[in-house]
Amino acid sequence: MAELSGTGRTDRVVVVGAGLAGAQCAAVLRRDGWQGRITLVGEEPHAPYDRPPLSKDVLLGRTDSTALDLDFGQLDVELLTGRRATGLTPGGPGGPGAAGTLHTDAGDVRYDALLIATGSEPRVLPGAERAHLLHTLDDALALRALLRPGLRLVLVGAGWIGAEVATAARAAGCEVTVVEAGPAPVPGALPTEVGRAMAAWYAGAGIELRCGTGVAAVEPGAVLLADGSRLPADEVVVGIGARPATGWLAGTGVALDAAGAVLVDERLRTTVPGVLAAGDCVGYPSARSGTRLTVQHWDHALQSGEAAAATLLGSDAPPYDPVQYFWSEQFGRMVQYAGRHAADDELLWRGSPDDADWSVLWLRDGVLRALLAVDRPRDLTQGRRLVERGAVLDRARAADPAVPLKSALAG
């Protein structure tokens, strides 16, 4: 059992990973009445902060800090920064008091219950040791210091982060080229026809986009592509996705899937008693999607952190299975997505990608499964509720951007 008594100061919850999921769990535990000790352990030297603004506000120079609006002293949460997790020794049977040990590079930390929230780490490109990554606050500040008018910047990867970094680099006056191995931007996450509609945004921003070719090597002053062409580059940034930061769990008994995500049940409990997991590093069962999901977005981190706290407190919360949501600000547009689509779902355009704003819907037997909204916040708000309800839409009305989605129900 992960639930603790919370009746005294001896029961200790340790949260390893001081990102949004971990910080949210700690804050909700206190808000909802947990009286025991709470220790939050983070690898970075900074107090917990938000990551989405790194590729937006920090790179654009609007702020130097994205610290979460939480007073850990007031919350009576012990914050241990600059400590990297190296392993854990599970506690014995018997529930509260059967303490386990979190091992870190700065010493051991005993726990009665443990939340794993170590997030994700960026994928690296072989042969690109000279390239920059954007994952931490320090990464963002270092990259911002490099951006200047006339700088020749090559970005590898036309995903969400790549588009946001490209936006900021152009605003700084850089000459930007984006290289994408897939056939269009955001491959894998979106169908090629939708990605191609977004490709025009790069040209409109004065950015060269090269799709369908990979990177062979990053050389001094250049990037060699797989097709043999060479791009001049003063700096290179790689943004080709992330993977769960769970290598430190090897040999601990915590089960991982093939991609390294922590396997949890519908209450975010791992295979080790007293140990939960939340955030980017989790693979959770989704009845809504009919499969296990690993989600690396802000909303999931926030909600799963709160759900983990509910499990620790023994509350009668429903199984963790929210409608996925994320957003991206790129090229002067707000792009929002809710739900989860499959490759064989019916794709329905709501407006034209040539318009200033448009949406895409994914239907399965008429049921709205997901939507992507470009500068159409009302579509997103209404569509997210319809996905939650499993609403069946009238295709003709749903395809008409003048009809509110909530008014496009079938029947």
Protein backbone atom coordinates (compact mmCIF):
# COMPACT_ATOMS: atom_id res chain seq x y z
CA MET A 1 0.00 0.00 0.00
CA ALA A 2 1.26 3.49 -0.83
CA GLU A 3 -1.14 5.28 1.52
CA LEU A 4 0.32 6.53 4.77
CA SER A 5 -1.28 7.37 8.09
CA GLY A 6 -0.10 10.95 8.29
CA THR A 7 -0.82 10.94 12.00
CA GLY A 8 2.61 12.10 13.11
CA ARG A 9 5.90 13.58 12.01
CA THR A 10 7.58 10.20 11.50
CA ASP A 11 5.88 9.31 8.21
CA ARG A 12 8.02 10.79 5.44
CA VAL A 13 7.08 11.24 1.81
CA VAL A 14 10.07 11.74 -0.45
CA VAL A 15 9.59 13.11 -3.94
CA VAL A 16 12.53 12.56 -6.27
CA GLY A 17 12.36 14.99 -9.17
CA ALA A 18 11.75 18.69 -8.48
CA GLY A 19 9.87 19.50 -11.66
CA LEU A 20 6.20 20.39 -11.98
CA ALA A 21 4.84 16.91 -11.19
CA GLY A 22 6.92 16.53 -8.04
CA ALA A 23 6.30 20.06 -6.81
CA GLN A 24 2.58 19.73 -7.44
CA CYS A 25 2.42 16.50 -5.47
CA ALA A 26 4.20 18.08 -2.51
CA ALA A 27 1.97 21.17 -2.57
CA VAL A 28 -1.26 19.16 -2.83
CA LEU A 29 -0.22 16.84 0.00
CA ARG A 30 0.08 19.86 2.28
CA ARG A 31 -3.06 21.53 0.94
CA ASP A 32 -5.12 18.42 1.57
CA GLY A 33 -3.96 17.83 5.11
CA TRP A 34 -0.82 15.69 5.11
CA GLN A 35 0.93 16.31 8.42
CA GLY A 36 4.02 14.17 7.97
CA ARG A 37 7.40 15.16 6.56
CA ILE A 38 7.77 15.97 2.87
CA THR A 39 11.17 16.07 1.18
CA LEU A 40 11.58 17.20 -2.42
CA VAL A 41 14.84 16.12 -4.07
CA GLY A 42 16.00 17.76 -7.31
CA GLU A 43 19.05 17.22 -9.51
CA GLU A 44 19.30 20.84 -10.66
CA PRO A 45 20.58 23.62 -8.39
CA HIS A 46 17.41 25.64 -8.93
CA ALA A 47 14.15 25.60 -7.03
CA PRO A 48 11.32 23.98 -9.05
CA TYR A 49 10.41 25.93 -12.19
CA ASP A 50 8.19 25.74 -15.25
CA ARG A 51 9.71 24.35 -18.46
CA PRO A 52 7.30 25.54 -21.21
CA PRO A 53 8.42 29.19 -20.92
CA LEU A 54 12.05 28.20 -21.54
CA SER A 55 11.58 28.05 -25.33
CA LYS A 56 9.33 31.12 -25.26
CA ASP A 57 9.77 33.78 -22.59
CA VAL A 58 13.34 32.95 -21.56
CA LEU A 59 14.72 32.68 -25.10
CA LEU A 60 12.87 35.87 -26.05
CA GLY A 61 14.41 37.70 -23.10
CA ARG A 62 11.13 38.37 -21.33
CA THR A 63 12.32 36.74 -18.11
CA ASP A 64 15.32 35.08 -16.50
CA SER A 65 13.31 32.90 -14.15
CA THR A 66 10.28 30.64 -14.45
CA ALA A 67 10.19 29.56 -10.80
CA LEU A 68 6.91 28.04 -9.64
CA ASP A 69 4.77 30.25 -7.43
CA LEU A 70 5.20 28.01 -4.39
CA ASP A 71 6.71 28.90 -1.02
CA PHE A 72 8.27 25.63 0.10
CA GLY A 73 9.28 27.10 3.43
CA GLN A 74 5.72 28.10 4.18
CA LEU A 75 4.55 24.67 3.01
CA ASP A 76 7.08 23.06 5.34
CA VAL A 77 8.57 21.09 2.46
CA GLU A 78 12.26 20.23 2.76
CA LEU A 79 13.88 21.12 -0.56
CA LEU A 80 17.13 19.34 -1.43
CA THR A 81 18.55 20.67 -4.70
CA GLY A 82 21.68 19.62 -6.55
CA ARG A 83 21.17 15.95 -5.71
CA ARG A 84 21.11 13.31 -8.43
CA ALA A 85 19.23 10.07 -7.73
CA THR A 86 21.41 6.99 -8.17
CA GLY A 87 19.12 4.20 -6.98
CA LEU A 88 16.74 3.05 -4.29
CA THR A 89 16.39 0.23 -1.81
CA PRO A 90 12.71 -0.58 -1.25
CA GLY A 91 11.34 -0.87 2.25
CA GLY A 92 10.04 -4.07 3.73
CA PRO A 93 6.42 -5.14 4.04
CA GLY A 94 4.11 -3.65 6.62
CA GLY A 95 2.99 -0.29 5.27
CA PRO A 96 3.87 2.92 7.16
CA GLY A 97 7.15 2.69 8.98
CA ALA A 98 8.63 0.04 6.65
CA ALA A 99 11.05 2.64 5.35
CA GLY A 100 13.00 2.43 2.14
CA THR A 101 16.04 4.40 1.04
CA LEU A 102 16.58 6.73 -1.89
CA HIS A 103 20.24 6.82 -2.85
CA THR A 104 21.68 10.06 -4.23
CA ASP A 105 25.15 11.31 -5.12
CA ALA A 106 24.98 13.43 -1.95
CA GLY A 107 23.88 10.73 0.46
CA ASP A 108 20.88 8.57 1.31
CA VAL A 109 17.37 9.79 2.07
CA ARG A 110 14.97 7.53 4.00
CA TYR A 111 11.32 7.39 2.97
CA ASP A 112 8.04 5.83 4.05
CA ALA A 113 6.56 6.53 0.62
CA LEU A 114 8.37 7.65 -2.52
CA LEU A 115 7.20 9.46 -5.63
CA ILE A 116 9.37 9.08 -8.74
CA ALA A 117 9.04 12.25 -10.81
CA THR A 118 12.40 12.50 -12.53
CA GLY A 119 10.82 13.52 -15.83
CA SER A 120 12.51 13.13 -19.17
CA GLU A 121 15.86 13.83 -20.76
CA PRO A 122 16.51 15.04 -24.30
CA ARG A 123 17.50 12.56 -26.96
CA VAL A 124 20.96 13.21 -28.32
CA LEU A 125 22.02 13.04 -31.94
CA PRO A 126 25.01 10.75 -32.54
CA GLY A 127 27.91 12.75 -33.88
CA ALA A 128 26.43 16.04 -32.67
CA GLU A 129 28.49 16.58 -29.52
CA ARG A 130 28.99 20.24 -30.48
CA ALA A 131 25.25 20.88 -30.64
CA HIS A 132 23.13 22.57 -27.99
CA LEU A 133 20.10 21.07 -26.26
CA LEU A 134 17.18 22.93 -24.70
CA HIS A 135 15.91 21.20 -21.60
CA THR A 136 16.89 23.16 -18.50
CA LEU A 137 16.82 26.79 -17.42
CA ASP A 138 20.59 26.92 -17.76
CA ASP A 139 20.31 25.56 -21.31
CA ALA A 140 17.85 28.32 -22.20
CA LEU A 141 19.95 31.11 -20.69
CA ALA A 142 23.10 29.84 -22.44
CA LEU A 143 21.34 29.58 -25.79
CA ARG A 144 19.78 33.02 -25.44
CA ALA A 145 23.23 34.51 -24.92
CA LEU A 146 24.28 33.13 -28.32
CA LEU A 147 21.35 34.40 -30.37
CA ARG A 148 22.21 37.55 -32.31
CA PRO A 149 21.46 39.17 -35.68
CA GLY A 150 23.14 37.32 -38.53
CA LEU A 151 23.96 34.18 -36.54
CA ARG A 152 23.60 31.12 -38.77
CA LEU A 153 21.58 28.69 -36.68
CA VAL A 154 20.69 25.15 -37.74
CA LEU A 155 17.93 23.45 -35.80
CA VAL A 156 17.66 19.68 -36.03
CA GLY A 157 14.06 18.61 -35.57
CA ALA A 158 10.84 20.37 -36.61
CA GLY A 159 8.81 19.30 -33.61
CA TRP A 160 7.11 21.55 -31.09
CA ILE A 161 10.34 22.66 -29.41
CA GLY A 162 12.11 23.14 -32.73
CA ALA A 163 9.36 25.46 -33.96
CA GLU A 164 9.43 27.50 -30.76
CA VAL A 165 13.21 27.85 -30.78
CA ALA A 166 13.09 28.82 -34.46
CA THR A 167 10.50 31.49 -33.62
CA ALA A 168 12.71 32.98 -30.89
CA ALA A 169 15.85 32.80 -33.05
CA ARG A 170 14.19 34.67 -35.89
CA ALA A 171 12.96 37.31 -33.44
CA ALA A 172 16.61 37.74 -32.42
CA GLY A 173 17.61 38.26 -36.06
CA CYS A 174 19.25 34.89 -36.67
CA GLU A 175 19.41 33.18 -40.05
CA VAL A 176 17.61 29.92 -39.33
CA THR A 177 17.51 26.58 -41.13
CA VAL A 178 15.45 23.71 -39.73
CA VAL A 179 16.27 20.13 -40.73
CA GLU A 180 13.66 17.41 -40.28
CA ALA A 181 14.16 13.76 -41.17
CA GLY A 182 10.40 13.22 -41.49
CA PRO A 183 8.29 14.30 -44.47
CA ALA A 184 6.80 17.32 -42.67
CA PRO A 185 6.93 19.15 -39.33
CA VAL A 186 5.85 17.28 -36.20
CA PRO A 187 6.17 13.78 -37.73
CA GLY A 188 4.70 11.02 -35.64
CA ALA A 189 2.60 13.40 -33.57
CA LEU A 190 0.50 14.68 -36.49
CA PRO A 191 -0.46 13.27 -39.91
CA THR A 192 1.77 14.39 -42.76
CA GLU A 193 -1.03 16.40 -44.38
CA VAL A 194 -1.46 18.45 -41.21
CA GLY A 195 2.27 18.89 -40.79
CA ARG A 196 2.57 20.13 -44.36
CA ALA A 197 -0.05 22.77 -43.64
CA MET A 198 2.22 24.01 -40.86
CA ALA A 199 5.31 23.97 -43.08
CA ALA A 200 4.17 27.21 -44.71
CA TRP A 201 4.63 28.97 -41.39
CA TYR A 202 8.39 28.46 -41.60
CA ALA A 203 8.65 30.12 -45.00
CA GLY A 204 6.43 32.96 -43.82
CA ALA A 205 8.87 33.60 -40.96
CA GLY A 206 11.87 33.61 -43.30
CA ILE A 207 13.11 30.21 -42.17
CA GLU A 208 14.45 27.55 -44.51
CA LEU A 209 12.82 24.19 -43.79
CA ARG A 210 14.38 21.00 -45.13
CA CYS A 211 12.29 17.87 -44.65
CA GLY A 212 12.99 14.31 -45.67
CA THR A 213 16.69 14.28 -44.85
CA GLY A 214 18.63 13.47 -41.72
CA VAL A 215 21.89 14.77 -40.29
CA ALA A 216 25.05 12.80 -41.00
CA ALA A 217 27.41 14.86 -38.85
CA VAL A 218 27.88 18.18 -37.10
CA GLU A 219 31.20 19.67 -38.15
CA PRO A 220 32.97 22.85 -37.09
CA GLY A 221 31.00 25.59 -38.82
CA ALA A 222 28.66 23.30 -40.71
CA VAL A 223 26.08 20.53 -40.62
CA LEU A 224 26.50 17.65 -43.07
CA LEU A 225 23.19 16.19 -44.19
CA ALA A 226 22.51 12.59 -45.17
CA ASP A 227 21.88 13.66 -48.78
CA GLY A 228 25.45 14.99 -48.98
CA SER A 229 24.63 18.69 -48.76
CA ARG A 230 26.35 20.91 -46.22
CA LEU A 231 24.70 23.75 -44.29
CA PRO A 232 26.80 26.61 -42.86
CA ALA A 233 26.21 26.80 -39.12
CA ASP A 234 27.63 29.02 -36.42
CA GLU A 235 25.53 27.16 -33.84
CA VAL A 236 23.43 23.98 -33.88
CA VAL A 237 20.47 23.10 -31.67
CA VAL A 238 19.08 19.57 -31.50
CA GLY A 239 15.44 19.00 -30.61
CA ILE A 240 14.51 15.43 -31.56
CA GLY A 241 12.38 14.46 -28.60
CA ALA A 242 12.93 13.13 -25.12
CA ARG A 243 12.93 9.85 -23.22
CA PRO A 244 12.08 9.00 -19.60
CA ALA A 245 14.90 9.82 -17.19
CA THR A 246 14.81 6.46 -15.45
CA GLY A 247 18.22 4.91 -16.00
CA TRP A 248 18.93 5.27 -12.29
CA LEU A 249 16.17 2.74 -11.54
CA ALA A 250 18.04 -0.23 -13.02
CA GLY A 251 18.09 -3.12 -10.59
CA THR A 252 15.69 -1.50 -8.11
CA GLY A 253 12.68 -3.71 -8.84
CA VAL A 254 10.70 -0.83 -10.34
CA ALA A 255 9.36 -2.20 -13.64
CA LEU A 256 9.97 -0.18 -16.82
CA ASP A 257 8.61 -0.59 -20.32
CA ALA A 258 10.81 -1.00 -23.41
CA ALA A 259 11.16 2.78 -23.76
CA GLY A 260 12.18 3.22 -20.13
CA ALA A 261 8.88 4.57 -18.77
CA VAL A 262 7.89 3.52 -15.25
CA LEU A 263 4.97 1.08 -15.36
CA VAL A 264 2.19 2.18 -13.02
CA ASP A 265 -1.41 1.16 -12.34
CA GLU A 266 -4.47 3.39 -12.59
CA ARG A 267 -3.51 5.03 -9.26
CA LEU A 268 0.09 5.68 -10.38
CA ARG A 269 1.50 2.95 -8.13
CA THR A 270 4.63 1.16 -9.37
CA THR A 271 5.50 -2.51 -8.99
CA VAL A 272 7.32 -1.71 -5.74
CA PRO A 273 5.13 -1.22 -2.64
CA GLY A 274 5.17 2.33 -1.32
CA VAL A 275 6.59 3.76 -4.55
CA LEU A 276 4.54 5.84 -7.01
CA ALA A 277 5.48 7.68 -10.18
CA ALA A 278 4.14 10.74 -12.01
CA GLY A 279 4.96 13.07 -14.88
CA ASP A 280 7.00 12.53 -18.04
CA CYS A 281 8.64 9.32 -16.80
CA VAL A 282 5.37 7.36 -16.42
CA GLY A 283 3.59 4.85 -18.64
CA TYR A 284 0.04 4.68 -17.31
CA PRO A 285 -2.95 2.58 -18.42
CA SER A 286 -5.58 4.62 -20.26
CA ALA A 287 -9.01 3.08 -20.63
CA ARG A 288 -9.91 6.11 -22.73
CA SER A 289 -7.23 5.26 -25.28
CA GLY A 290 -7.13 1.50 -24.82
CA THR A 291 -3.38 1.43 -24.27
CA ARG A 292 -0.59 2.61 -22.01
CA LEU A 293 0.44 6.21 -22.51
CA THR A 294 3.63 8.11 -21.85
CA VAL A 295 2.89 11.83 -22.06
CA GLN A 296 5.51 14.57 -21.89
CA HIS A 297 3.47 17.72 -21.55
CA TRP A 298 2.84 20.32 -18.84
CA ASP A 299 -0.82 19.48 -18.23
CA HIS A 300 -0.05 15.80 -17.63
CA ALA A 301 2.72 16.69 -15.16
CA LEU A 302 0.35 18.95 -13.25
CA GLN A 303 -2.55 16.50 -13.15
CA SER A 304 -0.51 13.37 -12.43
CA GLY A 305 1.30 15.12 -9.57
CA GLU A 306 -2.05 15.91 -8.00
CA ALA A 307 -3.33 12.38 -8.65
CA ALA A 308 -0.27 10.89 -6.95
CA ALA A 309 -0.94 13.03 -3.89
CA ALA A 310 -4.52 11.76 -3.82
CA THR A 311 -3.29 8.16 -3.88
CA LEU A 312 -0.84 8.83 -1.07
CA LEU A 313 -3.64 10.34 1.00
CA GLY A 314 -5.90 7.37 0.31
CA SER A 315 -8.63 9.51 -1.25
CA ASP A 316 -11.42 8.00 -3.31
CA ALA A 317 -10.34 9.71 -6.54
CA PRO A 318 -11.21 8.20 -9.94
CA PRO A 319 -8.51 6.32 -11.88
CA TYR A 320 -5.99 8.62 -13.52
CA ASP A 321 -7.03 8.97 -17.17
CA PRO A 322 -7.44 12.63 -18.22
CA VAL A 323 -8.03 13.99 -21.71
CA GLN A 324 -4.57 14.91 -22.93
CA TYR A 325 -3.88 18.57 -23.61
CA PHE A 326 -0.91 20.63 -24.74
CA TRP A 327 -0.17 23.89 -26.47
CA SER A 328 2.62 25.50 -28.47
CA GLU A 329 3.25 29.14 -29.33
CA GLN A 330 5.02 29.38 -32.68
CA PHE A 331 5.30 31.86 -35.52
CA GLY A 332 2.76 34.18 -33.89
CA ARG A 333 0.18 31.41 -33.55
CA MET A 334 -1.33 29.54 -30.62
CA VAL A 335 -1.53 25.82 -31.43
CA GLN A 336 -3.55 23.65 -29.02
CA TYR A 337 -4.31 19.94 -29.02
CA ALA A 338 -6.70 17.90 -26.89
CA GLY A 339 -7.44 14.16 -26.84
CA ARG A 340 -5.53 11.42 -28.62
CA HIS A 341 -6.01 10.31 -32.20
CA ALA A 342 -5.00 7.10 -33.95
CA ALA A 343 -3.64 6.68 -37.46
CA ASP A 344 -6.90 5.18 -38.74
CA ASP A 345 -9.20 7.85 -37.27
CA GLU A 346 -11.16 9.97 -39.73
CA LEU A 347 -9.56 13.38 -40.22
CA LEU A 348 -11.94 16.30 -40.69
CA TRP A 349 -10.77 19.81 -41.56
CA ARG A 350 -12.64 22.64 -39.88
CA GLY A 351 -11.75 25.54 -42.10
CA SER A 352 -8.76 25.74 -44.42
CA PRO A 353 -5.07 25.86 -43.50
CA ASP A 354 -4.91 28.85 -45.85
CA ASP A 355 -7.10 30.74 -43.39
CA ALA A 356 -5.75 32.74 -40.47
CA ASP A 357 -7.27 30.22 -38.06
CA TRP A 358 -8.43 26.63 -38.47
CA SER A 359 -8.88 23.34 -36.68
CA VAL A 360 -8.58 19.65 -37.41
CA LEU A 361 -10.85 17.03 -35.86
CA TRP A 362 -10.30 13.29 -35.53
CA LEU A 363 -13.42 11.11 -35.44
CA ARG A 364 -13.92 7.41 -34.79
CA ASP A 365 -17.37 6.19 -35.82
CA GLY A 366 -18.48 9.79 -35.51
CA VAL A 367 -17.11 10.16 -31.96
CA LEU A 368 -14.74 13.09 -31.46
CA ARG A 369 -11.43 11.63 -30.30
CA ALA A 370 -9.08 14.61 -30.64
CA LEU A 371 -8.69 18.05 -32.15
CA LEU A 372 -5.93 20.47 -33.10
CA ALA A 373 -6.87 24.15 -32.97
CA VAL A 374 -4.82 26.95 -34.54
CA ASP A 375 -5.81 30.32 -33.07
CA ARG A 376 -9.28 28.95 -32.32
CA PRO A 377 -9.40 28.80 -28.50
CA ARG A 378 -13.16 28.34 -28.46
CA ASP A 379 -12.85 25.21 -30.58
CA LEU A 380 -10.31 23.86 -28.13
CA THR A 381 -12.38 24.63 -25.04
CA GLN A 382 -15.58 23.17 -26.45
CA GLY A 383 -13.84 20.27 -28.20
CA ARG A 384 -12.00 19.21 -25.08
CA ARG A 385 -15.32 18.84 -23.25
CA LEU A 386 -16.78 16.89 -26.17
CA VAL A 387 -13.80 14.51 -26.19
CA GLU A 388 -14.34 13.96 -22.47
CA ARG A 389 -18.00 13.12 -23.09
CA GLY A 390 -17.32 10.90 -26.10
CA ALA A 391 -19.71 13.06 -28.14
CA VAL A 392 -20.88 12.04 -31.62
CA LEU A 393 -20.69 14.88 -34.14
CA ASP A 394 -22.59 15.76 -37.28
CA ARG A 395 -19.78 15.82 -39.83
CA ALA A 396 -21.20 18.58 -42.04
CA ARG A 397 -21.81 20.94 -39.14
CA ALA A 398 -18.51 20.08 -37.46
CA ALA A 399 -16.63 20.92 -40.66
CA ASP A 400 -18.22 24.41 -40.79
CA PRO A 401 -15.95 26.77 -38.81
CA ALA A 402 -18.89 29.17 -38.38
CA VAL A 403 -20.80 26.56 -36.32
CA PRO A 404 -19.72 26.29 -32.66
CA LEU A 405 -18.49 22.78 -31.98
CA LYS A 406 -20.91 22.43 -29.10
CA SER A 407 -23.69 22.95 -31.66
CA ALA A 408 -22.37 20.28 -34.04
CA LEU A 409 -23.71 17.28 -32.15
CA ALA A 410 -25.39 14.54 -34.17
CA GLY A 411 -29.06 13.80 -33.70
